[in-house]
N, C-alpha and C. Protein backbone atom coordinates (compact mmCIF):
# COMPACT_ATOMS: atom_id res chain seq x y z
N MET A 1 104.93 85.42 93.51
CA MET A 1 104.04 84.41 93.84
C MET A 1 104.20 84.46 95.45
N GLN A 2 105.41 84.69 95.94
CA GLN A 2 105.46 84.64 97.48
C GLN A 2 104.73 85.81 98.03
N GLU A 3 104.44 86.92 97.42
CA GLU A 3 103.51 88.03 97.70
C GLU A 3 102.14 87.36 97.97
N LEU A 4 101.80 86.50 97.06
CA LEU A 4 100.22 85.99 97.18
C LEU A 4 100.14 85.04 98.50
N GLN A 5 101.20 84.30 98.64
CA GLN A 5 101.13 83.31 99.69
C GLN A 5 101.08 84.17 101.07
N ALA A 6 101.86 85.14 101.15
CA ALA A 6 101.84 86.25 102.28
C ALA A 6 100.53 86.67 102.52
N LEU A 7 99.77 86.88 101.38
CA LEU A 7 98.43 87.62 101.56
C LEU A 7 97.49 86.62 102.25
N ILE A 8 97.74 85.28 101.60
CA ILE A 8 96.72 84.37 101.96
C ILE A 8 97.06 83.88 103.50
N GLN A 9 98.29 83.98 103.92
CA GLN A 9 98.62 83.76 105.23
C GLN A 9 98.46 84.79 106.11
N GLY A 10 97.88 85.99 105.60
CA GLY A 10 97.60 87.07 106.64
C GLY A 10 98.75 87.78 106.96
N LYS A 11 99.82 87.76 106.41
CA LYS A 11 101.07 88.45 106.62
C LYS A 11 101.10 89.72 106.01
N ILE A 12 100.45 90.07 104.85
CA ILE A 12 100.31 91.46 104.37
C ILE A 12 98.84 91.64 104.10
N SER A 13 98.48 92.81 103.85
CA SER A 13 97.08 93.26 103.68
C SER A 13 96.73 93.23 102.34
N PRO A 14 95.43 93.09 101.94
CA PRO A 14 94.95 92.94 100.61
C PRO A 14 95.28 94.26 99.84
N GLN A 15 95.24 95.39 100.52
CA GLN A 15 95.64 96.81 100.02
C GLN A 15 97.24 96.82 99.29
N ALA A 16 98.02 95.80 99.92
CA ALA A 16 99.36 95.81 99.55
C ALA A 16 99.57 95.01 98.11
N ILE A 17 98.42 94.54 97.61
CA ILE A 17 98.57 93.63 96.34
C ILE A 17 98.02 94.63 95.28
N SER A 18 98.68 94.93 94.28
CA SER A 18 98.30 95.56 93.24
C SER A 18 97.42 94.84 92.24
N ILE A 19 96.28 95.58 91.85
CA ILE A 19 95.37 94.81 90.86
C ILE A 19 96.09 94.38 89.41
N ASP A 20 96.92 95.29 89.03
CA ASP A 20 97.87 94.91 87.73
C ASP A 20 98.63 93.53 87.98
N TYR A 21 99.27 93.43 89.19
CA TYR A 21 100.06 92.30 89.57
C TYR A 21 99.05 91.06 89.57
N LEU A 22 97.86 91.09 90.10
CA LEU A 22 96.93 90.11 90.00
C LEU A 22 96.52 89.65 88.54
N ILE A 23 96.34 90.72 87.82
CA ILE A 23 95.88 90.50 86.34
C ILE A 23 97.16 89.93 85.57
N GLU A 24 98.33 90.18 85.90
CA GLU A 24 99.56 89.66 85.29
C GLU A 24 99.67 88.19 85.69
N MET A 25 99.42 87.88 87.03
CA MET A 25 99.47 86.38 87.52
C MET A 25 98.41 85.61 86.87
N ALA A 26 97.06 86.18 86.79
CA ALA A 26 95.97 85.43 86.07
C ALA A 26 96.47 85.09 84.74
N GLU A 27 97.04 85.97 83.94
CA GLU A 27 97.24 85.75 82.71
C GLU A 27 98.51 84.79 82.54
N LYS A 28 99.24 84.93 83.48
CA LYS A 28 100.56 83.72 83.38
C LYS A 28 100.24 82.43 83.93
N TYR A 29 99.24 82.06 84.72
CA TYR A 29 98.72 80.93 85.23
C TYR A 29 97.31 80.52 84.88
N GLN A 30 97.09 79.99 83.80
CA GLN A 30 95.82 79.72 83.32
C GLN A 30 95.27 78.23 83.29
N GLN A 31 96.01 77.43 84.01
CA GLN A 31 95.69 75.87 84.06
C GLN A 31 94.86 75.74 85.38
N PRO A 32 93.37 75.72 85.27
CA PRO A 32 92.58 75.46 86.29
C PRO A 32 93.01 74.55 87.41
N HIS A 33 93.78 73.49 87.13
CA HIS A 33 93.91 72.45 88.06
C HIS A 33 95.35 72.70 88.67
N SER A 34 96.12 73.67 88.29
CA SER A 34 97.37 73.97 88.93
C SER A 34 97.49 74.63 90.34
N ALA A 35 98.30 74.37 91.07
CA ALA A 35 98.31 75.07 92.43
C ALA A 35 98.52 76.37 92.38
N GLU A 36 99.20 77.00 91.21
CA GLU A 36 99.29 78.34 91.05
C GLU A 36 98.11 78.90 90.68
N TYR A 37 97.34 78.53 89.79
CA TYR A 37 95.99 79.03 89.48
C TYR A 37 95.19 79.12 90.55
N LYS A 38 95.05 78.15 91.50
CA LYS A 38 94.17 78.17 92.77
C LYS A 38 94.72 79.24 93.76
N LEU A 39 96.08 79.44 93.76
CA LEU A 39 96.74 80.55 94.64
C LEU A 39 96.18 81.86 94.18
N VAL A 40 96.34 82.10 92.76
CA VAL A 40 95.93 83.31 92.23
C VAL A 40 94.54 83.59 92.52
N GLU A 41 93.73 82.53 92.22
CA GLU A 41 92.16 82.65 92.40
C GLU A 41 91.79 83.10 93.71
N LEU A 42 92.43 82.44 94.82
CA LEU A 42 92.26 82.65 96.14
C LEU A 42 92.68 84.22 96.47
N ALA A 43 93.70 84.62 96.04
CA ALA A 43 94.26 85.94 96.23
C ALA A 43 93.45 87.00 95.62
N ILE A 44 92.86 86.80 94.53
CA ILE A 44 91.93 87.78 93.72
C ILE A 44 90.63 87.83 94.48
N ASN A 45 90.21 86.74 95.07
CA ASN A 45 88.92 86.70 95.88
C ASN A 45 89.08 87.55 96.96
N ILE A 46 90.32 87.45 97.79
CA ILE A 46 90.59 88.17 99.16
C ILE A 46 90.63 89.66 98.59
N VAL A 47 91.26 90.08 97.75
CA VAL A 47 91.56 91.48 97.27
C VAL A 47 90.29 92.07 96.81
N LEU A 48 89.49 91.32 96.12
CA LEU A 48 88.27 91.98 95.64
C LEU A 48 87.16 92.08 96.75
N ALA A 49 87.27 91.05 97.51
CA ALA A 49 86.29 91.15 98.79
C ALA A 49 86.56 92.40 99.53
N LYS A 50 87.97 92.70 99.66
CA LYS A 50 88.35 93.71 100.71
C LYS A 50 87.88 95.12 99.92
N HIS A 51 87.97 95.19 98.71
CA HIS A 51 87.49 96.33 98.01
C HIS A 51 86.11 96.74 98.00
N LEU A 52 85.35 95.45 97.92
CA LEU A 52 83.90 95.63 97.86
C LEU A 52 83.46 95.90 99.23
N GLU A 53 84.17 95.29 100.29
CA GLU A 53 83.89 95.70 101.49
C GLU A 53 84.02 97.31 102.01
N LYS A 54 85.09 97.85 101.32
CA LYS A 54 85.41 99.25 101.57
C LYS A 54 84.49 100.09 100.83
N ALA A 55 83.86 99.72 99.65
CA ALA A 55 82.98 100.40 98.79
C ALA A 55 81.72 100.35 99.44
N GLN A 56 81.23 99.24 100.04
CA GLN A 56 79.92 99.18 100.75
C GLN A 56 79.76 100.16 101.87
N LYS A 57 80.94 100.55 102.45
CA LYS A 57 80.79 101.58 103.62
C LYS A 57 80.31 102.87 103.30
N PHE A 58 80.58 103.17 101.86
CA PHE A 58 80.14 104.38 101.47
C PHE A 58 78.65 104.40 100.94
N LEU A 59 78.03 103.36 100.99
CA LEU A 59 76.68 103.11 100.42
C LEU A 59 75.83 103.25 101.41
């Protein structure tokens, strides 16, 4: 969870976060109103946006 906080704070890059780790966290925190859920959701959006941005460079 500290890794996700560091990502959101800009202390580590989105590439440093494993997709498998994000899936694990999403499976673990499934309560939509919890702080952990919102943290995971935000981290997933950041990582996916970075991957999409990278893919668009090739199109």
